[in-house]
PDB file of N, CA and C in Angstrom:
ATOM      1  N   MET A   1      16.187  -1.824 -15.191  1.00  0.00           N
ATOM      2  CA  MET A   1      15.652  -1.389 -13.978  1.00  0.00           C
ATOM      3  C   MET A   1      15.202   0.266 -14.067  1.00  0.00           C
ATOM      4  N   GLN A   2      14.116   0.301 -13.823  1.00  0.00           N
ATOM      5  CA  GLN A   2      13.839   2.586 -13.358  1.00  0.00           C
ATOM      6  C   GLN A   2      13.447   2.386 -12.038  1.00  0.00           C
ATOM      7  N   LEU A   3      13.757   3.321 -11.892  1.00  0.00           N
ATOM      8  CA  LEU A   3      13.230   3.847 -10.435  1.00  0.00           C
ATOM      9  C   LEU A   3      12.155   5.174 -10.615  1.00  0.00           C
ATOM     10  N   ASN A   4      10.661   4.717  -9.848  1.00  0.00           N
ATOM     11  CA  ASN A   4      10.074   5.859 -10.192  1.00  0.00           C
ATOM     12  C   ASN A   4       9.913   6.600  -9.428  1.00  0.00           C
ATOM     13  N   HIS A   5       9.735   6.654  -7.881  1.00  0.00           N
ATOM     14  CA  HIS A   5       9.705   7.121  -7.020  1.00  0.00           C
ATOM     15  C   HIS A   5      10.142   6.954  -5.836  1.00  0.00           C
ATOM     16  N   ALA A   6      10.722   7.706  -5.067  1.00  0.00           N
ATOM     17  CA  ALA A   6      10.935   7.547  -3.465  1.00  0.00           C
ATOM     18  C   ALA A   6       9.972   8.194  -2.307  1.00  0.00           C
ATOM     19  N   LEU A   7       9.950   7.273  -1.268  1.00  0.00           N
ATOM     20  CA  LEU A   7       8.994   7.591  -0.301  1.00  0.00           C
ATOM     21  C   LEU A   7      10.114   7.814   0.802  1.00  0.00           C
ATOM     22  N   LEU A   8       9.669   9.169   1.447  1.00  0.00           N
ATOM     23  CA  LEU A   8      10.986   9.468   2.663  1.00  0.00           C
ATOM     24  C   LEU A   8       9.715   9.718   3.900  1.00  0.00           C
ATOM     25  N   LEU A   9      10.188   9.442   5.010  1.00  0.00           N
ATOM     26  CA  LEU A   9       9.366   9.556   6.287  1.00  0.00           C
ATOM     27  C   LEU A   9       9.962  10.277   6.801  1.00  0.00           C
ATOM     28  N   ALA A  10       8.848  11.645   7.432  1.00  0.00           N
ATOM     29  CA  ALA A  10       9.509  12.482   8.092  1.00  0.00           C
ATOM     30  C   ALA A  10       9.163  13.085   9.550  1.00  0.00           C
ATOM     31  N   THR A  11       9.467  13.218  10.469  1.00  0.00           N
ATOM     32  CA  THR A  11       8.707  13.620  11.626  1.00  0.00           C
ATOM     33  C   THR A  11       8.091  15.638  11.549  1.00  0.00           C
ATOM     34  N   ASN A  12       9.180  16.508  10.462  1.00  0.00           N
ATOM     35  CA  ASN A  12       8.825  18.049  10.041  1.00  0.00           C
ATOM     36  C   ASN A  12       8.602  17.615   8.527  1.00  0.00           C
ATOM     37  N   ILE A  13       7.337  17.480   8.120  1.00  0.00           N
ATOM     38  CA  ILE A  13       6.936  16.970   6.285  1.00  0.00           C
ATOM     39  C   ILE A  13       7.398  18.070   5.862  1.00  0.00           C
ATOM     40  N   GLN A  14       7.195  19.614   6.431  1.00  0.00           N
ATOM     41  CA  GLN A  14       7.424  20.694   5.663  1.00  0.00           C
ATOM     42  C   GLN A  14       8.858  21.112   5.857  1.00  0.00           C
ATOM     43  N   HIS A  15       9.623  20.889   6.547  1.00  0.00           N
ATOM     44  CA  HIS A  15      11.176  21.453   6.753  1.00  0.00           C
ATOM     45  C   HIS A  15      11.529  20.625   5.827  1.00  0.00           C
ATOM     46  N   MET A  16      11.536  19.315   5.896  1.00  0.00           N
ATOM     47  CA  MET A  16      12.029  18.093   4.913  1.00  0.00           C
ATOM     48  C   MET A  16      11.673  18.832   3.366  1.00  0.00           C
ATOM     49  N   ALA A  17      10.587  19.310   3.198  1.00  0.00           N
ATOM     50  CA  ALA A  17       9.699  19.453   1.983  1.00  0.00           C
ATOM     51  C   ALA A  17      10.670  20.635   1.402  1.00  0.00           C
ATOM     52  N   GLN A  18      10.770  21.331   2.061  1.00  0.00           N
ATOM     53  CA  GLN A  18      11.952  23.162   2.229  1.00  0.00           C
ATOM     54  C   GLN A  18      13.292  22.740   1.473  1.00  0.00           C
ATOM     55  N   PHE A  19      13.990  21.820   2.309  1.00  0.00           N
ATOM     56  CA  PHE A  19      15.122  21.252   1.745  1.00  0.00           C
ATOM     57  C   PHE A  19      15.649  20.555   0.956  1.00  0.00           C
ATOM     58  N   LEU A  20      14.738  19.932   0.394  1.00  0.00           N
ATOM     59  CA  LEU A  20      15.024  19.257  -1.115  1.00  0.00           C
ATOM     60  C   LEU A  20      14.097  19.953  -1.741  1.00  0.00           C
ATOM     61  N   GLU A  21      13.201  21.164  -1.850  1.00  0.00           N
ATOM     62  CA  GLU A  21      13.101  22.111  -2.931  1.00  0.00           C
ATOM     63  C   GLU A  21      13.945  22.823  -2.751  1.00  0.00           C
ATOM     64  N   SER A  22      14.698  23.178  -1.696  1.00  0.00           N
ATOM     65  CA  SER A  22      16.200  24.174  -2.141  1.00  0.00           C
ATOM     66  C   SER A  22      17.267  23.355  -2.336  1.00  0.00           C
ATOM     67  N   SER A  23      17.856  22.402  -1.961  1.00  0.00           N
ATOM     68  CA  SER A  23      18.932  21.461  -2.043  1.00  0.00           C
ATOM     69  C   SER A  23      18.743  20.874  -4.124  1.00  0.00           C
ATOM     70  N   LEU A  24      17.740  20.391  -3.980  1.00  0.00           N
ATOM     71  CA  LEU A  24      17.356  19.617  -5.425  1.00  0.00           C
ATOM     72  C   LEU A  24      16.518  20.656  -6.526  1.00  0.00           C
ATOM     73  N   GLY A  25      15.921  21.918  -6.223  1.00  0.00           N
ATOM     74  CA  GLY A  25      15.247  22.576  -6.976  1.00  0.00           C
ATOM     75  C   GLY A  25      13.728  21.419  -7.554  1.00  0.00           C
ATOM     76  N   LEU A  26      13.214  20.837  -6.538  1.00  0.00           N
ATOM     77  CA  LEU A  26      11.816  20.176  -6.723  1.00  0.00           C
ATOM     78  C   LEU A  26      10.571  21.580  -5.995  1.00  0.00           C
ATOM     79  N   LYS A  27      10.251  21.148  -6.860  1.00  0.00           N
ATOM     80  CA  LYS A  27       8.460  22.059  -6.475  1.00  0.00           C
ATOM     81  C   LYS A  27       7.394  20.803  -5.812  1.00  0.00           C
ATOM     82  N   LYS A  28       6.459  21.870  -5.323  1.00  0.00           N
ATOM     83  CA  LYS A  28       5.608  21.143  -4.447  1.00  0.00           C
ATOM     84  C   LYS A  28       4.330  21.025  -5.792  1.00  0.00           C
ATOM     85  N   GLY A  29       3.684  19.747  -5.810  1.00  0.00           N
ATOM     86  CA  GLY A  29       2.597  19.698  -6.444  1.00  0.00           C
ATOM     87  C   GLY A  29       1.581  18.962  -5.900  1.00  0.00           C
ATOM     88  N   LEU A  30       0.344  18.721  -6.987  1.00  0.00           N
ATOM     89  CA  LEU A  30      -0.563  17.335  -6.258  1.00  0.00           C
ATOM     90  C   LEU A  30      -0.662  16.601  -5.797  1.00  0.00           C
ATOM     91  N   ARG A  31      -1.230  16.221  -5.243  1.00  0.00           N
ATOM     92  CA  ARG A  31      -1.149  14.570  -3.827  1.00  0.00           C
ATOM     93  C   ARG A  31      -2.808  14.400  -4.034  1.00  0.00           C
ATOM     94  N   PRO A  32      -2.505  13.100  -4.515  1.00  0.00           N
ATOM     95  CA  PRO A  32      -4.180  12.515  -3.713  1.00  0.00           C
ATOM     96  C   PRO A  32      -4.480  12.622  -2.139  1.00  0.00           C
ATOM     97  N   ALA A  33      -5.276  12.713  -1.950  1.00  0.00           N
ATOM     98  CA  ALA A  33      -6.342  12.706  -0.193  1.00  0.00           C
ATOM     99  C   ALA A  33      -6.092  11.585   0.460  1.00  0.00           C
ATOM    100  N   PHE A  34      -4.936  10.631   0.421  1.00  0.00           N
ATOM    101  CA  PHE A  34      -4.997  10.282   1.570  1.00  0.00           C
ATOM    102  C   PHE A  34      -5.119   9.864   2.587  1.00  0.00           C
ATOM    103  N   GLY A  35      -4.874   9.026   3.377  1.00  0.00           N
ATOM    104  CA  GLY A  35      -5.816   9.255   5.289  1.00  0.00           C
ATOM    105  C   GLY A  35      -4.539   9.358   6.225  1.00  0.00           C
ATOM    106  N   PHE A  36      -3.694  10.338   5.706  1.00  0.00           N
ATOM    107  CA  PHE A  36      -2.205  10.914   6.098  1.00  0.00           C
ATOM    108  C   PHE A  36      -1.755  12.162   5.681  1.00  0.00           C
ATOM    109  N   ASP A  37      -0.921  12.837   6.162  1.00  0.00           N
ATOM    110  CA  ASP A  37      -0.254  13.715   5.897  1.00  0.00           C
ATOM    111  C   ASP A  37       0.921  13.562   4.690  1.00  0.00           C
ATOM    112  N   GLY A  38       1.150  14.469   4.117  1.00  0.00           N
ATOM    113  CA  GLY A  38       2.055  13.991   2.911  1.00  0.00           C
ATOM    114  C   GLY A  38       2.397  15.415   2.531  1.00  0.00           C
ATOM    115  N   VAL A  39       3.476  15.424   1.583  1.00  0.00           N
ATOM    116  CA  VAL A  39       3.824  16.304   0.202  1.00  0.00           C
ATOM    117  C   VAL A  39       4.479  15.370  -0.999  1.00  0.00           C
ATOM    118  N   TRP A  40       3.763  15.638  -2.023  1.00  0.00           N
ATOM    119  CA  TRP A  40       4.705  14.892  -3.194  1.00  0.00           C
ATOM    120  C   TRP A  40       5.650  16.455  -3.572  1.00  0.00           C
ATOM    121  N   LEU A  41       6.738  15.685  -4.083  1.00  0.00           N
ATOM    122  CA  LEU A  41       7.206  16.726  -4.622  1.00  0.00           C
ATOM    123  C   LEU A  41       8.166  16.708  -6.019  1.00  0.00           C
ATOM    124  N   TYR A  42       7.931  17.368  -7.301  1.00  0.00           N
ATOM    125  CA  TYR A  42       8.401  17.144  -8.696  1.00  0.00           C
ATOM    126  C   TYR A  42       9.497  17.701  -9.414  1.00  0.00           C
ATOM    127  N   ASP A  43       9.554  17.534 -10.087  1.00  0.00           N
ATOM    128  CA  ASP A  43      10.878  17.443 -10.737  1.00  0.00           C
ATOM    129  C   ASP A  43      10.756  18.322 -12.049  1.00  0.00           C
ATOM    130  N   ASP A  44      11.609  18.922 -12.727  1.00  0.00           N
ATOM    131  CA  ASP A  44      11.434  20.368 -13.822  1.00  0.00           C
ATOM    132  C   ASP A  44      10.666  19.548 -14.831  1.00  0.00           C
ATOM    133  N   LEU A  45      10.322  18.202 -14.969  1.00  0.00           N
ATOM    134  CA  LEU A  45       9.827  17.286 -16.101  1.00  0.00           C
ATOM    135  C   LEU A  45       7.983  17.332 -15.545  1.00  0.00           C
ATOM    136  N   ASP A  46       7.928  17.770 -14.169  1.00  0.00           N
ATOM    137  CA  ASP A  46       6.652  17.522 -13.774  1.00  0.00           C
ATOM    138  C   ASP A  46       6.281  15.836 -13.549  1.00  0.00           C
ATOM    139  N   THR A  47       7.475  15.322 -12.975  1.00  0.00           N
ATOM    140  CA  THR A  47       7.176  13.853 -12.715  1.00  0.00           C
ATOM    141  C   THR A  47       7.289  14.104 -11.229  1.00  0.00           C
ATOM    142  N   PRO A  48       6.186  13.252 -10.444  1.00  0.00           N
ATOM    143  CA  PRO A  48       5.932  12.931  -9.319  1.00  0.00           C
ATOM    144  C   PRO A  48       7.356  12.021  -8.447  1.00  0.00           C
ATOM    145  N   CYS A  49       8.161  12.898  -8.039  1.00  0.00           N
ATOM    146  CA  CYS A  49       9.918  11.721  -7.736  1.00  0.00           C
ATOM    147  C   CYS A  49      10.310  11.350  -6.263  1.00  0.00           C
ATOM    148  N   ILE A  50       8.833  12.517  -5.716  1.00  0.00           N
ATOM    149  CA  ILE A  50       9.513  12.249  -4.341  1.00  0.00           C
ATOM    150  C   ILE A  50       8.074  12.338  -3.199  1.00  0.00           C
ATOM    151  N   HIS A  51       7.996  11.287  -2.615  1.00  0.00           N
ATOM    152  CA  HIS A  51       6.848  11.754  -2.019  1.00  0.00           C
ATOM    153  C   HIS A  51       7.167  11.338  -0.482  1.00  0.00           C
ATOM    154  N   ILE A  52       6.668  12.595   0.770  1.00  0.00           N
ATOM    155  CA  ILE A  52       7.226  12.586   1.885  1.00  0.00           C
ATOM    156  C   ILE A  52       6.056  12.170   2.445  1.00  0.00           C
ATOM    157  N   ALA A  53       5.969  11.643   3.658  1.00  0.00           N
ATOM    158  CA  ALA A  53       4.793  11.364   4.184  1.00  0.00           C
ATOM    159  C   ALA A  53       5.186  11.368   5.895  1.00  0.00           C
ATOM    160  N   ALA A  54       4.558  11.562   7.016  1.00  0.00           N
ATOM    161  CA  ALA A  54       4.557  11.506   8.467  1.00  0.00           C
ATOM    162  C   ALA A  54       5.140  10.405   9.197  1.00  0.00           C
ATOM    163  N   LYS A  55       5.904  10.599   9.316  1.00  0.00           N
ATOM    164  CA  LYS A  55       6.308   9.417  10.540  1.00  0.00           C
ATOM    165  C   LYS A  55       6.075   8.739  10.987  1.00  0.00           C
ATOM    166  N   PHE A  56       5.241   9.484  11.891  1.00  0.00           N
ATOM    167  CA  PHE A  56       4.083   8.746  12.707  1.00  0.00           C
ATOM    168  C   PHE A  56       3.023   8.576  12.438  1.00  0.00           C
ATOM    169  N   GLY A  57       2.510   9.091  11.279  1.00  0.00           N
ATOM    170  CA  GLY A  57       1.440   8.434  10.769  1.00  0.00           C
ATOM    171  C   GLY A  57       1.310   7.123   9.902  1.00  0.00           C
ATOM    172  N   ILE A  58       1.763   6.525  10.511  1.00  0.00           N
ATOM    173  CA  ILE A  58       2.071   5.199   9.717  1.00  0.00           C
ATOM    174  C   ILE A  58       1.944   4.150   9.997  1.00  0.00           C
ATOM    175  N   ASN A  59       2.134   3.123  10.046  1.00  0.00           N
ATOM    176  CA  ASN A  59       1.907   2.138  10.791  1.00  0.00           C
ATOM    177  C   ASN A  59       3.752   1.487  10.680  1.00  0.00           C
ATOM    178  N   GLU A  60       4.518   1.533  11.538  1.00  0.00           N
ATOM    179  CA  GLU A  60       5.740   1.269  11.404  1.00  0.00           C
ATOM    180  C   GLU A  60       6.340  -0.553  11.365  1.00  0.00           C
ATOM    181  N   SER A  61       5.401  -0.983  11.683  1.00  0.00           N
ATOM    182  CA  SER A  61       5.545  -2.417  11.655  1.00  0.00           C
ATOM    183  C   SER A  61       6.533  -3.416  10.819  1.00  0.00           C
TER     184      SER A  61
END
C-alpha cells in the first residue's frame, strides 16, 4: 500500500499551512482551481503530499 496524499480540513487555511511549512519543511505549490478555498503543500521532491481545504466550505455529511 502507498499513501498518495492527505486532505486536512481547517477553519484557518493559512495558519494551518504556515504551521506545516515550518514544522515539516513543506512548501506551497500549484493547486487546481476548485470551487472552494484550499492550499496544496509539496515535499522536497515537489510531490503534492498535503492538501488543506476550508472546513466550512465542504459538505460535512
